Amino acid sequence: MGDFWNVEIITSWTGVRFQNPPLEALQVFDLIDRDFSPQGAIDWMNGHGYHTNAAYYPEVRVIGFEHEYMAYVGAQWSLVLRVGA
């Protein structure tokens, strides 16, 4: 795990307060840690009753969630708070 995985309540750029890290980010990370590809982890979750709106962008190695995204930087996944649409 990279940066910003500390457990806390934070506020999104739209003013929504939420628990960081989101549960679905932890679930995706866990599946990636078990050798799933990022898209494979998202597909597995959606196919096994763990609905997620996560989207994987392979060209920049980013997994987008509602209020933040996971970015693969320096051989580790870091959480980054979204700052706009």
PDB file of N, CA and C in Angstrom:
ATOM      1  N   MET A   1       0.842  -1.183   0.000  1.00  0.00           N
ATOM      2  CA  MET A   1       0.000   0.000   0.000  1.00  0.00           C
ATOM      3  C   MET A   1       0.882   1.239   0.000  1.00  0.00           C
ATOM      4  N   GLY A   2       0.448   2.202  -0.739  1.00  0.00           N
ATOM      5  CA  GLY A   2       1.174   3.463  -0.810  1.00  0.00           C
ATOM      6  C   GLY A   2       0.612   4.479   0.172  1.00  0.00           C
ATOM      7  N   ASP A   3       0.476   5.693  -0.279  1.00  0.00           N
ATOM      8  CA  ASP A   3       0.053   6.805   0.567  1.00  0.00           C
ATOM      9  C   ASP A   3      -1.462   6.884   0.713  1.00  0.00           C
ATOM     10  N   PHE A   4      -1.889   7.537   1.799  1.00  0.00           N
ATOM     11  CA  PHE A   4      -3.260   7.980   2.044  1.00  0.00           C
ATOM     12  C   PHE A   4      -4.223   6.852   2.385  1.00  0.00           C
ATOM     13  N   TRP A   5      -3.745   5.751   2.937  1.00  0.00           N
ATOM     14  CA  TRP A   5      -4.617   4.652   3.340  1.00  0.00           C
ATOM     15  C   TRP A   5      -5.019   4.749   4.811  1.00  0.00           C
ATOM     16  N   ASN A   6      -4.698   5.860   5.479  1.00  0.00           N
ATOM     17  CA  ASN A   6      -5.039   5.998   6.889  1.00  0.00           C
ATOM     18  C   ASN A   6      -6.564   6.102   7.048  1.00  0.00           C
ATOM     19  N   VAL A   7      -7.095   5.479   8.095  1.00  0.00           N
ATOM     20  CA  VAL A   7      -8.534   5.447   8.334  1.00  0.00           C
ATOM     21  C   VAL A   7      -8.958   6.758   8.983  1.00  0.00           C
ATOM     22  N   GLU A   8      -9.891   7.457   8.310  1.00  0.00           N
ATOM     23  CA  GLU A   8     -10.390   8.737   8.808  1.00  0.00           C
ATOM     24  C   GLU A   8     -11.621   9.154   8.010  1.00  0.00           C
ATOM     25  N   ILE A   9     -12.366  10.093   8.549  1.00  0.00           N
ATOM     26  CA  ILE A   9     -13.483  10.692   7.830  1.00  0.00           C
ATOM     27  C   ILE A   9     -12.932  11.927   7.123  1.00  0.00           C
ATOM     28  N   ILE A  10     -13.143  11.998   5.800  1.00  0.00           N
ATOM     29  CA  ILE A  10     -12.674  13.154   5.038  1.00  0.00           C
ATOM     30  C   ILE A  10     -13.825  13.713   4.208  1.00  0.00           C
ATOM     31  N   THR A  11     -13.627  14.891   3.642  1.00  0.00           N
ATOM     32  CA  THR A  11     -14.648  15.563   2.851  1.00  0.00           C
ATOM     33  C   THR A  11     -14.219  15.599   1.393  1.00  0.00           C
ATOM     34  N   SER A  12     -15.124  15.186   0.503  1.00  0.00           N
ATOM     35  CA  SER A  12     -14.835  15.193  -0.930  1.00  0.00           C
ATOM     36  C   SER A  12     -14.914  16.618  -1.472  1.00  0.00           C
ATOM     37  N   TRP A  13     -14.524  16.789  -2.725  1.00  0.00           N
ATOM     38  CA  TRP A  13     -14.563  18.106  -3.361  1.00  0.00           C
ATOM     39  C   TRP A  13     -15.994  18.611  -3.520  1.00  0.00           C
ATOM     40  N   THR A  14     -16.972  17.714  -3.433  1.00  0.00           N
ATOM     41  CA  THR A  14     -18.383  18.114  -3.530  1.00  0.00           C
ATOM     42  C   THR A  14     -19.003  18.370  -2.163  1.00  0.00           C
ATOM     43  N   GLY A  15     -18.216  18.204  -1.103  1.00  0.00           N
ATOM     44  CA  GLY A  15     -18.698  18.452   0.247  1.00  0.00           C
ATOM     45  C   GLY A  15     -19.247  17.230   0.963  1.00  0.00           C
ATOM     46  N   VAL A  16     -19.157  16.061   0.350  1.00  0.00           N
ATOM     47  CA  VAL A  16     -19.643  14.823   0.955  1.00  0.00           C
ATOM     48  C   VAL A  16     -18.581  14.279   1.909  1.00  0.00           C
ATOM     49  N   ARG A  17     -18.998  13.996   3.145  1.00  0.00           N
ATOM     50  CA  ARG A  17     -18.077  13.390   4.107  1.00  0.00           C
ATOM     51  C   ARG A  17     -18.172  11.879   3.955  1.00  0.00           C
ATOM     52  N   PHE A  18     -17.027  11.204   3.950  1.00  0.00           N
ATOM     53  CA  PHE A  18     -17.008   9.760   3.766  1.00  0.00           C
ATOM     54  C   PHE A  18     -15.833   9.143   4.498  1.00  0.00           C
ATOM     55  N   GLN A  19     -15.964   7.839   4.735  1.00  0.00           N
ATOM     56  CA  GLN A  19     -14.906   7.073   5.409  1.00  0.00           C
ATOM     57  C   GLN A  19     -13.793   6.763   4.410  1.00  0.00           C
ATOM     58  N   ASN A  20     -12.581   7.119   4.750  1.00  0.00           N
ATOM     59  CA  ASN A  20     -11.415   6.792   3.941  1.00  0.00           C
ATOM     60  C   ASN A  20     -10.645   5.693   4.670  1.00  0.00           C
ATOM     61  N   PRO A  21     -10.179   4.667   4.011  1.00  0.00           N
ATOM     62  CA  PRO A  21     -10.428   4.326   2.617  1.00  0.00           C
ATOM     63  C   PRO A  21     -11.803   3.697   2.450  1.00  0.00           C
ATOM     64  N   PRO A  22     -12.426   3.914   1.274  1.00  0.00           N
ATOM     65  CA  PRO A  22     -13.731   3.296   1.045  1.00  0.00           C
ATOM     66  C   PRO A  22     -13.610   1.774   1.039  1.00  0.00           C
ATOM     67  N   LEU A  23     -14.663   1.101   1.480  1.00  0.00           N
ATOM     68  CA  LEU A  23     -14.650  -0.351   1.548  1.00  0.00           C
ATOM     69  C   LEU A  23     -14.329  -0.970   0.190  1.00  0.00           C
ATOM     70  N   GLU A  24     -14.918  -0.438  -0.882  1.00  0.00           N
ATOM     71  CA  GLU A  24     -14.675  -1.041  -2.192  1.00  0.00           C
ATOM     72  C   GLU A  24     -13.215  -0.888  -2.629  1.00  0.00           C
ATOM     73  N   ALA A  25     -12.536   0.163  -2.214  1.00  0.00           N
ATOM     74  CA  ALA A  25     -11.112   0.302  -2.530  1.00  0.00           C
ATOM     75  C   ALA A  25     -10.305  -0.766  -1.794  1.00  0.00           C
ATOM     76  N   LEU A  26     -10.662  -1.026  -0.535  1.00  0.00           N
ATOM     77  CA  LEU A  26      -9.983  -2.086   0.212  1.00  0.00           C
ATOM     78  C   LEU A  26     -10.230  -3.452  -0.419  1.00  0.00           C
ATOM     79  N   GLN A  27     -11.461  -3.681  -0.872  1.00  0.00           N
ATOM     80  CA  GLN A  27     -11.789  -4.959  -1.507  1.00  0.00           C
ATOM     81  C   GLN A  27     -11.011  -5.142  -2.811  1.00  0.00           C
ATOM     82  N   VAL A  28     -10.957  -4.089  -3.639  1.00  0.00           N
ATOM     83  CA  VAL A  28     -10.203  -4.163  -4.894  1.00  0.00           C
ATOM     84  C   VAL A  28      -8.724  -4.387  -4.598  1.00  0.00           C
ATOM     85  N   PHE A  29      -8.175  -3.654  -3.634  1.00  0.00           N
ATOM     86  CA  PHE A  29      -6.775  -3.824  -3.283  1.00  0.00           C
ATOM     87  C   PHE A  29      -6.504  -5.257  -2.839  1.00  0.00           C
ATOM     88  N   ASP A  30      -7.397  -5.816  -2.019  1.00  0.00           N
ATOM     89  CA  ASP A  30      -7.224  -7.186  -1.540  1.00  0.00           C
ATOM     90  C   ASP A  30      -7.184  -8.171  -2.708  1.00  0.00           C
ATOM     91  N   LEU A  31      -8.056  -7.997  -3.679  1.00  0.00           N
ATOM     92  CA  LEU A  31      -8.068  -8.897  -4.831  1.00  0.00           C
ATOM     93  C   LEU A  31      -6.805  -8.728  -5.682  1.00  0.00           C
ATOM     94  N   ILE A  32      -6.356  -7.496  -5.854  1.00  0.00           N
ATOM     95  CA  ILE A  32      -5.106  -7.267  -6.594  1.00  0.00           C
ATOM     96  C   ILE A  32      -3.944  -7.925  -5.854  1.00  0.00           C
ATOM     97  N   ASP A  33      -3.965  -7.834  -4.531  1.00  0.00           N
ATOM     98  CA  ASP A  33      -2.924  -8.467  -3.716  1.00  0.00           C
ATOM     99  C   ASP A  33      -2.959  -9.994  -3.857  1.00  0.00           C
ATOM    100  N   ARG A  34      -4.112 -10.529  -4.242  1.00  0.00           N
ATOM    101  CA  ARG A  34      -4.258 -11.976  -4.472  1.00  0.00           C
ATOM    102  C   ARG A  34      -4.044 -12.323  -5.947  1.00  0.00           C
ATOM    103  N   ASP A  35      -3.333 -11.462  -6.658  1.00  0.00           N
ATOM    104  CA  ASP A  35      -2.915 -11.669  -8.052  1.00  0.00           C
ATOM    105  C   ASP A  35      -3.999 -11.478  -9.105  1.00  0.00           C
ATOM    106  N   PHE A  36      -5.101 -10.797  -8.777  1.00  0.00           N
ATOM    107  CA  PHE A  36      -6.048 -10.391  -9.802  1.00  0.00           C
ATOM    108  C   PHE A  36      -5.487  -9.174 -10.524  1.00  0.00           C
ATOM    109  N   SER A  37      -5.817  -9.011 -11.781  1.00  0.00           N
ATOM    110  CA  SER A  37      -5.520  -7.762 -12.468  1.00  0.00           C
ATOM    111  C   SER A  37      -6.509  -6.721 -11.945  1.00  0.00           C
ATOM    112  N   PRO A  38      -6.237  -5.428 -12.099  1.00  0.00           N
ATOM    113  CA  PRO A  38      -7.210  -4.437 -11.636  1.00  0.00           C
ATOM    114  C   PRO A  38      -8.603  -4.626 -12.257  1.00  0.00           C
ATOM    115  N   GLN A  39      -8.671  -4.823 -13.571  1.00  0.00           N
ATOM    116  CA  GLN A  39      -9.975  -5.029 -14.196  1.00  0.00           C
ATOM    117  C   GLN A  39     -10.577  -6.356 -13.765  1.00  0.00           C
ATOM    118  N   GLY A  40      -9.751  -7.365 -13.588  1.00  0.00           N
ATOM    119  CA  GLY A  40     -10.219  -8.658 -13.106  1.00  0.00           C
ATOM    120  C   GLY A  40     -10.819  -8.556 -11.708  1.00  0.00           C
ATOM    121  N   ALA A  41     -10.229  -7.733 -10.851  1.00  0.00           N
ATOM    122  CA  ALA A  41     -10.746  -7.531  -9.496  1.00  0.00           C
ATOM    123  C   ALA A  41     -12.119  -6.862  -9.547  1.00  0.00           C
ATOM    124  N   ILE A  42     -12.256  -5.841 -10.371  1.00  0.00           N
ATOM    125  CA  ILE A  42     -13.544  -5.151 -10.519  1.00  0.00           C
ATOM    126  C   ILE A  42     -14.591  -6.113 -11.070  1.00  0.00           C
ATOM    127  N   ASP A  43     -14.231  -6.866 -12.095  1.00  0.00           N
ATOM    128  CA  ASP A  43     -15.159  -7.831 -12.695  1.00  0.00           C
ATOM    129  C   ASP A  43     -15.572  -8.902 -11.687  1.00  0.00           C
ATOM    130  N   TRP A  44     -14.616  -9.405 -10.898  1.00  0.00           N
ATOM    131  CA  TRP A  44     -14.923 -10.426  -9.904  1.00  0.00           C
ATOM    132  C   TRP A  44     -15.911  -9.878  -8.876  1.00  0.00           C
ATOM    133  N   MET A  45     -15.659  -8.664  -8.391  1.00  0.00           N
ATOM    134  CA  MET A  45     -16.567  -8.068  -7.404  1.00  0.00           C
ATOM    135  C   MET A  45     -17.979  -7.959  -7.960  1.00  0.00           C
ATOM    136  N   ASN A  46     -18.120  -7.403  -9.156  1.00  0.00           N
ATOM    137  CA  ASN A  46     -19.446  -7.232  -9.746  1.00  0.00           C
ATOM    138  C   ASN A  46     -20.118  -8.567 -10.044  1.00  0.00           C
ATOM    139  N   GLY A  47     -19.351  -9.593 -10.328  1.00  0.00           N
ATOM    140  CA  GLY A  47     -19.906 -10.902 -10.619  1.00  0.00           C
ATOM    141  C   GLY A  47     -20.214 -11.759  -9.406  1.00  0.00           C
ATOM    142  N   HIS A  48     -19.800 -11.296  -8.224  1.00  0.00           N
ATOM    143  CA  HIS A  48     -19.998 -12.089  -7.012  1.00  0.00           C
ATOM    144  C   HIS A  48     -20.749 -11.336  -5.919  1.00  0.00           C
ATOM    145  N   GLY A  49     -21.578 -10.385  -6.307  1.00  0.00           N
ATOM    146  CA  GLY A  49     -22.440  -9.702  -5.347  1.00  0.00           C
ATOM    147  C   GLY A  49     -21.832  -8.532  -4.604  1.00  0.00           C
ATOM    148  N   TYR A  50     -20.671  -8.064  -5.020  1.00  0.00           N
ATOM    149  CA  TYR A  50     -20.020  -6.905  -4.396  1.00  0.00           C
ATOM    150  C   TYR A  50     -20.020  -5.762  -5.395  1.00  0.00           C
ATOM    151  N   HIS A  51     -21.176  -5.142  -5.594  1.00  0.00           N
ATOM    152  CA  HIS A  51     -21.320  -4.122  -6.630  1.00  0.00           C
ATOM    153  C   HIS A  51     -20.338  -2.966  -6.427  1.00  0.00           C
ATOM    154  N   THR A  52     -19.700  -2.571  -7.507  1.00  0.00           N
ATOM    155  CA  THR A  52     -18.817  -1.416  -7.494  1.00  0.00           C
ATOM    156  C   THR A  52     -18.949  -0.662  -8.813  1.00  0.00           C
ATOM    157  N   ASN A  53     -18.867   0.653  -8.735  1.00  0.00           N
ATOM    158  CA  ASN A  53     -18.844   1.497  -9.930  1.00  0.00           C
ATOM    159  C   ASN A  53     -17.415   1.848 -10.317  1.00  0.00           C
ATOM    160  N   ALA A  54     -16.448   1.167  -9.720  1.00  0.00           N
ATOM    161  CA  ALA A  54     -15.036   1.440 -10.006  1.00  0.00           C
ATOM    162  C   ALA A  54     -14.768   1.273 -11.498  1.00  0.00           C
ATOM    163  N   ALA A  55     -13.848   2.088 -11.998  1.00  0.00           N
ATOM    164  CA  ALA A  55     -13.457   2.002 -13.407  1.00  0.00           C
ATOM    165  C   ALA A  55     -11.941   1.990 -13.478  1.00  0.00           C
ATOM    166  N   TYR A  56     -11.410   1.084 -14.299  1.00  0.00           N
ATOM    167  CA  TYR A  56      -9.959   0.969 -14.448  1.00  0.00           C
ATOM    168  C   TYR A  56      -9.522   1.644 -15.737  1.00  0.00           C
ATOM    169  N   TYR A  57      -8.484   2.463 -15.644  1.00  0.00           N
ATOM    170  CA  TYR A  57      -7.899   3.173 -16.785  1.00  0.00           C
ATOM    171  C   TYR A  57      -6.468   2.666 -16.956  1.00  0.00           C
ATOM    172  N   PRO A  58      -6.288   1.609 -17.772  1.00  0.00           N
ATOM    173  CA  PRO A  58      -4.976   0.953 -17.856  1.00  0.00           C
ATOM    174  C   PRO A  58      -3.858   1.835 -18.401  1.00  0.00           C
ATOM    175  N   GLU A  59      -4.181   2.776 -19.276  1.00  0.00           N
ATOM    176  CA  GLU A  59      -3.128   3.612 -19.865  1.00  0.00           C
ATOM    177  C   GLU A  59      -2.421   4.486 -18.835  1.00  0.00           C
ATOM    178  N   VAL A  60      -3.100   4.794 -17.733  1.00  0.00           N
ATOM    179  CA  VAL A  60      -2.470   5.588 -16.668  1.00  0.00           C
ATOM    180  C   VAL A  60      -2.414   4.829 -15.341  1.00  0.00           C
ATOM    181  N   ARG A  61      -2.814   3.556 -15.347  1.00  0.00           N
ATOM    182  CA  ARG A  61      -2.805   2.673 -14.176  1.00  0.00           C
ATOM    183  C   ARG A  61      -3.506   3.309 -12.979  1.00  0.00           C
ATOM    184  N   VAL A  62      -4.780   3.642 -13.199  1.00  0.00           N
ATOM    185  CA  VAL A  62      -5.616   4.283 -12.186  1.00  0.00           C
ATOM    186  C   VAL A  62      -6.946   3.554 -12.104  1.00  0.00           C
ATOM    187  N   ILE A  63      -7.442   3.363 -10.882  1.00  0.00           N
ATOM    188  CA  ILE A  63      -8.771   2.811 -10.639  1.00  0.00           C
ATOM    189  C   ILE A  63      -9.596   3.920  -9.996  1.00  0.00           C
ATOM    190  N   GLY A  64     -10.636   4.362 -10.679  1.00  0.00           N
ATOM    191  CA  GLY A  64     -11.458   5.462 -10.195  1.00  0.00           C
ATOM    192  C   GLY A  64     -12.617   4.981  -9.336  1.00  0.00           C
ATOM    193  N   PHE A  65     -12.838   5.677  -8.230  1.00  0.00           N
ATOM    194  CA  PHE A  65     -13.983   5.454  -7.349  1.00  0.00           C
ATOM    195  C   PHE A  65     -14.751   6.768  -7.260  1.00  0.00           C
ATOM    196  N   GLU A  66     -15.833   6.787  -6.498  1.00  0.00           N
ATOM    197  CA  GLU A  66     -16.690   7.964  -6.455  1.00  0.00           C
ATOM    198  C   GLU A  66     -15.969   9.233  -5.991  1.00  0.00           C
ATOM    199  N   HIS A  67     -15.218   9.152  -4.901  1.00  0.00           N
ATOM    200  CA  HIS A  67     -14.602  10.353  -4.329  1.00  0.00           C
ATOM    201  C   HIS A  67     -13.077  10.378  -4.412  1.00  0.00           C
ATOM    202  N   GLU A  68     -12.478   9.280  -4.800  1.00  0.00           N
ATOM    203  CA  GLU A  68     -11.029   9.225  -4.893  1.00  0.00           C
ATOM    204  C   GLU A  68     -10.633   8.143  -5.879  1.00  0.00           C
ATOM    205  N   TYR A  69      -9.363   8.006  -6.110  1.00  0.00           N
ATOM    206  CA  TYR A  69      -8.887   6.961  -7.012  1.00  0.00           C
ATOM    207  C   TYR A  69      -7.615   6.341  -6.484  1.00  0.00           C
ATOM    208  N   MET A  70      -7.357   5.113  -6.957  1.00  0.00           N
ATOM    209  CA  MET A  70      -6.124   4.405  -6.627  1.00  0.00           C
ATOM    210  C   MET A  70      -5.191   4.566  -7.815  1.00  0.00           C
ATOM    211  N   ALA A  71      -3.997   5.029  -7.559  1.00  0.00           N
ATOM    212  CA  ALA A  71      -3.006   5.217  -8.625  1.00  0.00           C
ATOM    213  C   ALA A  71      -1.792   4.345  -8.339  1.00  0.00           C
ATOM    214  N   TYR A  72      -1.339   3.631  -9.360  1.00  0.00           N
ATOM    215  CA  TYR A  72      -0.158   2.776  -9.220  1.00  0.00           C
ATOM    216  C   TYR A  72       1.072   3.630  -9.504  1.00  0.00           C
ATOM    217  N   VAL A  73       1.776   3.991  -8.431  1.00  0.00           N
ATOM    218  CA  VAL A  73       2.925   4.886  -8.531  1.00  0.00           C
ATOM    219  C   VAL A  73       4.085   4.273  -7.753  1.00  0.00           C
ATOM    220  N   GLY A  74       5.218   4.109  -8.400  1.00  0.00           N
ATOM    221  CA  GLY A  74       6.400   3.608  -7.706  1.00  0.00           C
ATOM    222  C   GLY A  74       6.209   2.214  -7.138  1.00  0.00           C
ATOM    223  N   ALA A  75       5.554   1.335  -7.873  1.00  0.00           N
ATOM    224  CA  ALA A  75       5.328  -0.064  -7.484  1.00  0.00           C
ATOM    225  C   ALA A  75       4.425  -0.210  -6.264  1.00  0.00           C
ATOM    226  N   GLN A  76       3.546   0.772  -6.021  1.00  0.00           N
ATOM    227  CA  GLN A  76       2.581   0.665  -4.931  1.00  0.00           C
ATOM    228  C   GLN A  76       1.306   1.413  -5.295  1.00  0.00           C
ATOM    229  N   TRP A  77       0.180   0.995  -4.712  1.00  0.00           N
ATOM    230  CA  TRP A  77      -1.112   1.631  -4.952  1.00  0.00           C
ATOM    231  C   TRP A  77      -1.348   2.699  -3.891  1.00  0.00           C
ATOM    232  N   SER A  78      -1.497   3.943  -4.327  1.00  0.00           N
ATOM    233  CA  SER A  78      -1.788   5.055  -3.428  1.00  0.00           C
ATOM    234  C   SER A  78      -3.201   5.548  -3.668  1.00  0.00           C
ATOM    235  N   LEU A  79      -3.862   6.039  -2.613  1.00  0.00           N
ATOM    236  CA  LEU A  79      -5.165   6.663  -2.759  1.00  0.00           C
ATOM    237  C   LEU A  79      -4.968   8.152  -2.961  1.00  0.00           C
ATOM    238  N   VAL A  80      -5.755   8.717  -3.874  1.00  0.00           N
ATOM    239  CA  VAL A  80      -5.666  10.144  -4.187  1.00  0.00           C
ATOM    240  C   VAL A  80      -7.081  10.710  -4.144  1.00  0.00           C
ATOM    241  N   LEU A  81      -7.285  11.754  -3.378  1.00  0.00           N
ATOM    242  CA  LEU A  81      -8.584  12.405  -3.271  1.00  0.00           C
ATOM    243  C   LEU A  81      -8.875  13.164  -4.564  1.00  0.00           C
ATOM    244  N   ARG A  82     -10.052  12.934  -5.140  1.00  0.00           N
ATOM    245  CA  ARG A  82     -10.435  13.650  -6.360  1.00  0.00           C
ATOM    246  C   ARG A  82     -10.658  15.115  -6.035  1.00  0.00           C
ATOM    247  N   VAL A  83     -10.279  15.997  -6.937  1.00  0.00           N
ATOM    248  CA  VAL A  83     -10.437  17.430  -6.722  1.00  0.00           C
ATOM    249  C   VAL A  83     -11.322  18.082  -7.774  1.00  0.00           C
ATOM    250  N   GLY A  84     -12.004  17.308  -8.564  1.00  0.00           N
ATOM    251  CA  GLY A  84     -12.919  17.855  -9.572  1.00  0.00           C
ATOM    252  C   GLY A  84     -13.552  16.745 -10.371  1.00  0.00           C
ATOM    253  N   ALA A  85     -14.431  17.146 -11.271  1.00  0.00           N
ATOM    254  CA  ALA A  85     -15.166  16.173 -12.091  1.00  0.00           C
ATOM    255  C   ALA A  85     -14.208  15.378 -12.902  1.00  0.00           C
TER     256      ALA A  85
END
